[in-house]
PDB file of N, CA and C in Angstrom:
ATOM      1  N   LYS A   1      15.004  12.649  -5.074  1.00  0.00           N
ATOM      2  CA  LYS A   1      15.318  11.599  -5.126  1.00  0.00           C
ATOM      3  C   LYS A   1      14.366  10.590  -5.706  1.00  0.00           C
ATOM      4  N   VAL A   2      12.733  10.452  -5.456  1.00  0.00           N
ATOM      5  CA  VAL A   2      11.674   9.455  -5.404  1.00  0.00           C
ATOM      6  C   VAL A   2      11.285   9.947  -6.891  1.00  0.00           C
ATOM      7  N   PRO A   3      10.744   9.903  -7.724  1.00  0.00           N
ATOM      8  CA  PRO A   3       9.787  10.039  -8.651  1.00  0.00           C
ATOM      9  C   PRO A   3       8.620  10.256  -8.867  1.00  0.00           C
ATOM     10  N   THR A   4       7.834   9.311  -7.702  1.00  0.00           N
ATOM     11  CA  THR A   4       6.360   8.702  -7.162  1.00  0.00           C
ATOM     12  C   THR A   4       6.646   8.163  -6.258  1.00  0.00           C
ATOM     13  N   LEU A   5       5.925   8.863  -4.838  1.00  0.00           N
ATOM     14  CA  LEU A   5       5.461   8.153  -3.754  1.00  0.00           C
ATOM     15  C   LEU A   5       4.558   7.702  -3.970  1.00  0.00           C
ATOM     16  N   VAL A   6       3.728   6.998  -2.895  1.00  0.00           N
ATOM     17  CA  VAL A   6       2.637   5.833  -2.759  1.00  0.00           C
ATOM     18  C   VAL A   6       2.479   6.072  -1.131  1.00  0.00           C
ATOM     19  N   VAL A   7       1.745   6.069  -0.217  1.00  0.00           N
ATOM     20  CA  VAL A   7       1.752   5.900   1.403  1.00  0.00           C
ATOM     21  C   VAL A   7       0.115   5.222   0.808  1.00  0.00           C
ATOM     22  N   THR A   8      -0.142   3.969   1.441  1.00  0.00           N
ATOM     23  CA  THR A   8      -1.376   3.762   1.820  1.00  0.00           C
ATOM     24  C   THR A   8      -1.420   3.718   3.436  1.00  0.00           C
ATOM     25  N   CYS A   9      -2.959   3.921   3.584  1.00  0.00           N
ATOM     26  CA  CYS A   9      -3.244   4.264   4.874  1.00  0.00           C
ATOM     27  C   CYS A   9      -4.595   3.087   5.537  1.00  0.00           C
ATOM     28  N   GLY A  10      -4.723   2.121   4.905  1.00  0.00           N
ATOM     29  CA  GLY A  10      -5.403   1.319   4.820  1.00  0.00           C
ATOM     30  C   GLY A  10      -7.427   1.633   5.263  1.00  0.00           C
ATOM     31  N   ALA A  11      -7.854   1.807   5.942  1.00  0.00           N
ATOM     32  CA  ALA A  11      -8.801   2.390   5.873  1.00  0.00           C
ATOM     33  C   ALA A  11      -9.664   3.665   5.314  1.00  0.00           C
ATOM     34  N   ASP A  12      -8.005   5.003   6.187  1.00  0.00           N
ATOM     35  CA  ASP A  12      -8.285   6.260   5.662  1.00  0.00           C
ATOM     36  C   ASP A  12      -7.814   6.563   4.112  1.00  0.00           C
ATOM     37  N   GLY A  13      -7.902   5.533   3.069  1.00  0.00           N
ATOM     38  CA  GLY A  13      -6.975   5.476   1.947  1.00  0.00           C
ATOM     39  C   GLY A  13      -5.441   5.538   1.553  1.00  0.00           C
ATOM     40  N   ALA A  14      -5.666   6.925   0.510  1.00  0.00           N
ATOM     41  CA  ALA A  14      -4.098   6.098   0.019  1.00  0.00           C
ATOM     42  C   ALA A  14      -3.565   7.771  -0.930  1.00  0.00           C
ATOM     43  N   THR A  15      -2.530   8.110  -0.370  1.00  0.00           N
ATOM     44  CA  THR A  15      -2.037   8.959  -0.787  1.00  0.00           C
ATOM     45  C   THR A  15      -0.612   9.153  -1.882  1.00  0.00           C
ATOM     46  N   ALA A  16      -0.862   9.887  -2.988  1.00  0.00           N
ATOM     47  CA  ALA A  16       0.439  10.042  -4.082  1.00  0.00           C
ATOM     48  C   ALA A  16       0.971  11.408  -4.708  1.00  0.00           C
ATOM     49  N   LEU A  17       2.279  11.287  -4.398  1.00  0.00           N
ATOM     50  CA  LEU A  17       3.277  12.766  -5.384  1.00  0.00           C
ATOM     51  C   LEU A  17       3.856  12.188  -6.177  1.00  0.00           C
ATOM     52  N   LYS A  18       4.144  13.075  -7.082  1.00  0.00           N
ATOM     53  CA  LYS A  18       4.691  12.569  -8.444  1.00  0.00           C
ATOM     54  C   LYS A  18       5.023  14.015  -8.852  1.00  0.00           C
ATOM     55  N   ASP A  19       6.520  14.473  -9.448  1.00  0.00           N
ATOM     56  CA  ASP A  19       6.510  15.452  -9.639  1.00  0.00           C
ATOM     57  C   ASP A  19       5.531  17.345  -9.466  1.00  0.00           C
ATOM     58  N   GLY A  20       5.205  16.833  -7.669  1.00  0.00           N
ATOM     59  CA  GLY A  20       5.038  18.227  -7.092  1.00  0.00           C
ATOM     60  C   GLY A  20       3.578  18.021  -7.217  1.00  0.00           C
ATOM     61  N   GLU A  21       3.075  16.969  -7.899  1.00  0.00           N
ATOM     62  CA  GLU A  21       1.578  17.212  -8.405  1.00  0.00           C
ATOM     63  C   GLU A  21       1.209  16.265  -6.374  1.00  0.00           C
ATOM     64  N   ARG A  22      -0.162  16.744  -6.452  1.00  0.00           N
ATOM     65  CA  ARG A  22      -0.609  15.455  -4.458  1.00  0.00           C
ATOM     66  C   ARG A  22      -1.956  14.857  -4.884  1.00  0.00           C
ATOM     67  N   ALA A  23      -1.928  13.532  -5.119  1.00  0.00           N
ATOM     68  CA  ALA A  23      -3.696  12.979  -5.162  1.00  0.00           C
ATOM     69  C   ALA A  23      -3.769  12.437  -3.625  1.00  0.00           C
ATOM     70  N   THR A  24      -4.949  12.609  -3.130  1.00  0.00           N
ATOM     71  CA  THR A  24      -5.978  11.849  -2.399  1.00  0.00           C
ATOM     72  C   THR A  24      -7.070  10.939  -2.302  1.00  0.00           C
ATOM     73  N   VAL A  25      -6.581   9.823  -2.326  1.00  0.00           N
ATOM     74  CA  VAL A  25      -8.137   9.216  -2.131  1.00  0.00           C
ATOM     75  C   VAL A  25      -8.658   8.233  -1.334  1.00  0.00           C
ATOM     76  N   PRO A  26      -9.949   8.170  -1.146  1.00  0.00           N
ATOM     77  CA  PRO A  26     -10.493   7.529   0.250  1.00  0.00           C
ATOM     78  C   PRO A  26     -10.341   5.750   0.281  1.00  0.00           C
ATOM     79  N   SER A  27     -11.094   5.189   1.227  1.00  0.00           N
ATOM     80  CA  SER A  27     -10.495   4.109   0.686  1.00  0.00           C
ATOM     81  C   SER A  27     -12.362   3.710   0.248  1.00  0.00           C
ATOM     82  N   VAL A  28     -12.137   2.700  -0.079  1.00  0.00           N
ATOM     83  CA  VAL A  28     -13.227   2.097  -1.522  1.00  0.00           C
ATOM     84  C   VAL A  28     -14.028   0.803   0.184  1.00  0.00           C
ATOM     85  N   ALA A  29     -15.284   1.605   0.468  1.00  0.00           N
ATOM     86  CA  ALA A  29     -16.433   0.641   1.352  1.00  0.00           C
ATOM     87  C   ALA A  29     -16.312  -0.312   0.766  1.00  0.00           C
ATOM     88  N   THR A  30     -16.381  -1.869   1.503  1.00  0.00           N
ATOM     89  CA  THR A  30     -16.505  -3.314   1.617  1.00  0.00           C
ATOM     90  C   THR A  30     -16.607  -3.944   3.304  1.00  0.00           C
ATOM     91  N   THR A  31     -17.068  -4.975   3.054  1.00  0.00           N
ATOM     92  CA  THR A  31     -16.635  -5.621   4.786  1.00  0.00           C
ATOM     93  C   THR A  31     -15.317  -6.502   4.614  1.00  0.00           C
ATOM     94  N   VAL A  32     -14.562  -6.018   5.024  1.00  0.00           N
ATOM     95  CA  VAL A  32     -13.481  -7.139   5.325  1.00  0.00           C
ATOM     96  C   VAL A  32     -13.382  -8.562   5.606  1.00  0.00           C
ATOM     97  N   VAL A  33     -12.920  -8.589   5.336  1.00  0.00           N
ATOM     98  CA  VAL A  33     -13.300 -11.014   5.419  1.00  0.00           C
ATOM     99  C   VAL A  33     -11.098 -11.074   6.312  1.00  0.00           C
ATOM    100  N   ASP A  34     -10.562 -10.881   4.835  1.00  0.00           N
ATOM    101  CA  ASP A  34      -9.420 -11.288   5.214  1.00  0.00           C
ATOM    102  C   ASP A  34      -8.758 -10.209   4.636  1.00  0.00           C
ATOM    103  N   THR A  35      -7.281  -9.841   5.089  1.00  0.00           N
ATOM    104  CA  THR A  35      -6.679  -8.390   4.899  1.00  0.00           C
ATOM    105  C   THR A  35      -5.664  -8.745   3.647  1.00  0.00           C
ATOM    106  N   THR A  36      -5.394 -10.320   3.648  1.00  0.00           N
ATOM    107  CA  THR A  36      -4.367 -10.795   2.811  1.00  0.00           C
ATOM    108  C   THR A  36      -4.478 -10.342   1.385  1.00  0.00           C
ATOM    109  N   GLY A  37      -3.445  -9.908   1.035  1.00  0.00           N
ATOM    110  CA  GLY A  37      -3.040  -9.516  -0.372  1.00  0.00           C
ATOM    111  C   GLY A  37      -3.453  -8.092  -0.706  1.00  0.00           C
ATOM    112  N   ALA A  38      -3.606  -7.083   0.252  1.00  0.00           N
ATOM    113  CA  ALA A  38      -4.428  -5.984   0.260  1.00  0.00           C
ATOM    114  C   ALA A  38      -3.216  -4.996  -0.638  1.00  0.00           C
ATOM    115  N   GLY A  39      -2.623  -5.133  -0.105  1.00  0.00           N
ATOM    116  CA  GLY A  39      -1.002  -4.141  -0.735  1.00  0.00           C
ATOM    117  C   GLY A  39      -0.331  -4.348  -1.905  1.00  0.00           C
ATOM    118  N   ASP A  40      -0.477  -5.880  -2.114  1.00  0.00           N
ATOM    119  CA  ASP A  40      -0.057  -6.355  -4.032  1.00  0.00           C
ATOM    120  C   ASP A  40      -0.954  -6.500  -4.522  1.00  0.00           C
ATOM    121  N   LEU A  41      -2.662  -6.064  -3.871  1.00  0.00           N
ATOM    122  CA  LEU A  41      -3.475  -5.240  -4.921  1.00  0.00           C
ATOM    123  C   LEU A  41      -3.290  -4.318  -5.039  1.00  0.00           C
ATOM    124  N   PHE A  42      -3.247  -3.467  -4.232  1.00  0.00           N
ATOM    125  CA  PHE A  42      -3.272  -2.156  -4.949  1.00  0.00           C
ATOM    126  C   PHE A  42      -2.233  -1.798  -5.048  1.00  0.00           C
ATOM    127  N   ALA A  43      -1.225  -2.046  -4.608  1.00  0.00           N
ATOM    128  CA  ALA A  43      -0.138  -1.955  -5.492  1.00  0.00           C
ATOM    129  C   ALA A  43       0.217  -2.380  -7.302  1.00  0.00           C
ATOM    130  N   ALA A  44      -0.708  -3.152  -7.422  1.00  0.00           N
ATOM    131  CA  ALA A  44      -1.141  -3.783  -8.655  1.00  0.00           C
ATOM    132  C   ALA A  44      -1.760  -2.524  -9.434  1.00  0.00           C
ATOM    133  N   GLY A  45      -3.045  -2.550  -9.154  1.00  0.00           N
ATOM    134  CA  GLY A  45      -4.190  -1.590  -9.845  1.00  0.00           C
ATOM    135  C   GLY A  45      -3.527  -0.581 -10.141  1.00  0.00           C
ATOM    136  N   PHE A  46      -2.834   0.512  -9.053  1.00  0.00           N
ATOM    137  CA  PHE A  46      -2.190   1.869  -9.159  1.00  0.00           C
ATOM    138  C   PHE A  46      -0.965   1.826 -10.106  1.00  0.00           C
ATOM    139  N   LEU A  47      -0.305  -0.052 -10.270  1.00  0.00           N
ATOM    140  CA  LEU A  47       0.893  -0.021 -11.496  1.00  0.00           C
ATOM    141  C   LEU A  47      -0.065   0.462 -13.035  1.00  0.00           C
ATOM    142  N   TYR A  48      -0.683  -0.728 -12.630  1.00  0.00           N
ATOM    143  CA  TYR A  48      -1.283  -0.719 -13.996  1.00  0.00           C
ATOM    144  C   TYR A  48      -1.481   0.544 -14.729  1.00  0.00           C
ATOM    145  N   GLY A  49      -2.620   1.223 -14.256  1.00  0.00           N
ATOM    146  CA  GLY A  49      -2.642   2.613 -14.399  1.00  0.00           C
ATOM    147  C   GLY A  49      -1.180   3.750 -14.493  1.00  0.00           C
ATOM    148  N   HIS A  50      -0.297   3.711 -13.925  1.00  0.00           N
ATOM    149  CA  HIS A  50       0.954   4.542 -13.793  1.00  0.00           C
ATOM    150  C   HIS A  50       1.788   4.118 -14.625  1.00  0.00           C
ATOM    151  N   VAL A  51       1.660   2.962 -15.400  1.00  0.00           N
ATOM    152  CA  VAL A  51       2.403   2.863 -16.547  1.00  0.00           C
ATOM    153  C   VAL A  51       1.869   3.278 -17.895  1.00  0.00           C
ATOM    154  N   ARG A  52       0.631   3.365 -17.656  1.00  0.00           N
ATOM    155  CA  ARG A  52       0.399   4.290 -18.847  1.00  0.00           C
ATOM    156  C   ARG A  52      -0.273   5.338 -18.923  1.00  0.00           C
ATOM    157  N   GLY A  53       0.207   6.200 -18.117  1.00  0.00           N
ATOM    158  CA  GLY A  53       0.297   7.345 -17.819  1.00  0.00           C
ATOM    159  C   GLY A  53      -1.270   8.350 -17.432  1.00  0.00           C
ATOM    160  N   GLU A  54      -1.783   7.275 -16.964  1.00  0.00           N
ATOM    161  CA  GLU A  54      -2.938   7.860 -16.641  1.00  0.00           C
ATOM    162  C   GLU A  54      -2.883   8.796 -14.594  1.00  0.00           C
ATOM    163  N   PRO A  55      -3.692   9.848 -14.521  1.00  0.00           N
ATOM    164  CA  PRO A  55      -3.792  10.650 -13.827  1.00  0.00           C
ATOM    165  C   PRO A  55      -3.343   9.782 -12.169  1.00  0.00           C
ATOM    166  N   LEU A  56      -2.465  10.052 -11.330  1.00  0.00           N
ATOM    167  CA  LEU A  56      -2.068   9.908 -10.251  1.00  0.00           C
ATOM    168  C   LEU A  56      -3.967   9.366  -9.570  1.00  0.00           C
ATOM    169  N   GLU A  57      -4.837  10.377  -9.932  1.00  0.00           N
ATOM    170  CA  GLU A  57      -6.124  10.249  -8.887  1.00  0.00           C
ATOM    171  C   GLU A  57      -6.726   9.155  -9.489  1.00  0.00           C
ATOM    172  N   THR A  58      -6.800   8.609 -10.759  1.00  0.00           N
ATOM    173  CA  THR A  58      -7.346   7.582 -11.661  1.00  0.00           C
ATOM    174  C   THR A  58      -6.549   6.403 -11.056  1.00  0.00           C
ATOM    175  N   CYS A  59      -5.538   6.838 -10.587  1.00  0.00           N
ATOM    176  CA  CYS A  59      -4.251   4.914 -10.593  1.00  0.00           C
ATOM    177  C   CYS A  59      -4.727   5.093  -8.750  1.00  0.00           C
ATOM    178  N   LEU A  60      -4.475   6.054  -8.394  1.00  0.00           N
ATOM    179  CA  LEU A  60      -5.009   5.829  -6.580  1.00  0.00           C
ATOM    180  C   LEU A  60      -6.454   4.890  -6.419  1.00  0.00           C
ATOM    181  N   LYS A  61      -7.154   5.159  -7.089  1.00  0.00           N
ATOM    182  CA  LYS A  61      -8.703   4.788  -7.361  1.00  0.00           C
ATOM    183  C   LYS A  61      -8.637   3.465  -7.959  1.00  0.00           C
ATOM    184  N   ARG A  62      -8.229   3.127  -9.019  1.00  0.00           N
ATOM    185  CA  ARG A  62      -7.745   1.569  -8.844  1.00  0.00           C
ATOM    186  C   ARG A  62      -7.127   0.944  -8.533  1.00  0.00           C
ATOM    187  N   GLY A  63      -6.290   1.093  -7.789  1.00  0.00           N
ATOM    188  CA  GLY A  63      -5.606   0.515  -6.837  1.00  0.00           C
ATOM    189  C   GLY A  63      -6.257   0.216  -5.155  1.00  0.00           C
ATOM    190  N   ALA A  64      -7.151   1.400  -4.945  1.00  0.00           N
ATOM    191  CA  ALA A  64      -8.263   1.027  -3.712  1.00  0.00           C
ATOM    192  C   ALA A  64      -9.929  -0.030  -4.434  1.00  0.00           C
ATOM    193  N   ILE A  65      -9.790  -0.087  -5.157  1.00  0.00           N
ATOM    194  CA  ILE A  65     -10.820  -0.541  -5.593  1.00  0.00           C
ATOM    195  C   ILE A  65     -10.351  -1.845  -5.657  1.00  0.00           C
ATOM    196  N   CYS A  66      -9.135  -2.594  -6.049  1.00  0.00           N
ATOM    197  CA  CYS A  66      -8.466  -4.013  -6.518  1.00  0.00           C
ATOM    198  C   CYS A  66      -8.467  -4.148  -4.945  1.00  0.00           C
ATOM    199  N   ALA A  67      -7.849  -3.804  -3.981  1.00  0.00           N
ATOM    200  CA  ALA A  67      -7.258  -4.357  -2.370  1.00  0.00           C
ATOM    201  C   ALA A  67      -9.030  -4.069  -1.758  1.00  0.00           C
ATOM    202  N   ALA A  68     -10.451  -3.327  -2.522  1.00  0.00           N
ATOM    203  CA  ALA A  68     -11.010  -4.144  -1.620  1.00  0.00           C
ATOM    204  C   ALA A  68     -11.752  -4.915  -2.161  1.00  0.00           C
ATOM    205  N   GLU A  69     -11.127  -5.021  -3.246  1.00  0.00           N
ATOM    206  CA  GLU A  69     -12.143  -7.173  -3.981  1.00  0.00           C
ATOM    207  C   GLU A  69     -11.064  -8.396  -3.570  1.00  0.00           C
ATOM    208  N   VAL A  70     -10.575  -7.713  -2.992  1.00  0.00           N
ATOM    209  CA  VAL A  70      -9.451  -8.894  -2.340  1.00  0.00           C
ATOM    210  C   VAL A  70      -9.097  -8.825  -1.469  1.00  0.00           C
ATOM    211  N   ILE A  71     -10.007  -8.279  -0.579  1.00  0.00           N
ATOM    212  CA  ILE A  71     -10.037  -8.202   1.645  1.00  0.00           C
ATOM    213  C   ILE A  71     -11.143  -8.313   1.697  1.00  0.00           C
ATOM    214  N   SER A  72     -12.273  -8.588   0.750  1.00  0.00           N
ATOM    215  CA  SER A  72     -14.277  -8.856   0.456  1.00  0.00           C
ATOM    216  C   SER A  72     -14.071 -10.340   0.979  1.00  0.00           C
ATOM    217  N   HIS A  73     -13.344 -10.767   0.704  1.00  0.00           N
ATOM    218  CA  HIS A  73     -13.172 -12.656   0.848  1.00  0.00           C
ATOM    219  C   HIS A  73     -11.815 -13.664   1.373  1.00  0.00           C
ATOM    220  N   TYR A  74     -12.224 -14.920   2.337  1.00  0.00           N
ATOM    221  CA  TYR A  74     -10.434 -15.221   2.882  1.00  0.00           C
ATOM    222  C   TYR A  74      -9.930 -15.651   1.408  1.00  0.00           C
ATOM    223  N   GLY A  75      -8.290 -15.636   1.810  1.00  0.00           N
ATOM    224  CA  GLY A  75      -7.302 -15.756   1.251  1.00  0.00           C
ATOM    225  C   GLY A  75      -6.977 -15.266  -0.280  1.00  0.00           C
ATOM    226  N   ALA A  76      -6.065 -15.097  -0.991  1.00  0.00           N
ATOM    227  CA  ALA A  76      -5.408 -13.811  -1.832  1.00  0.00           C
ATOM    228  C   ALA A  76      -6.282 -14.147  -3.723  1.00  0.00           C
TER     229      ALA A  76
END
């Protein structure tokens, strides 16, 4: 009943399921300074590609990149 499911696992990356397809990506290596906003930025990056019909793996990678950027400095 859920068309798209995304699970983030912090330093262990993220997984998405959509219409029987599964994609998993690792986290992006960075120095963690402050985790504020990590989930919001991951979601923004993922959704940017998702609404444009991009492959799940591409959407997950973009989300991971966005999350890595925001956690590399203080404040969202």
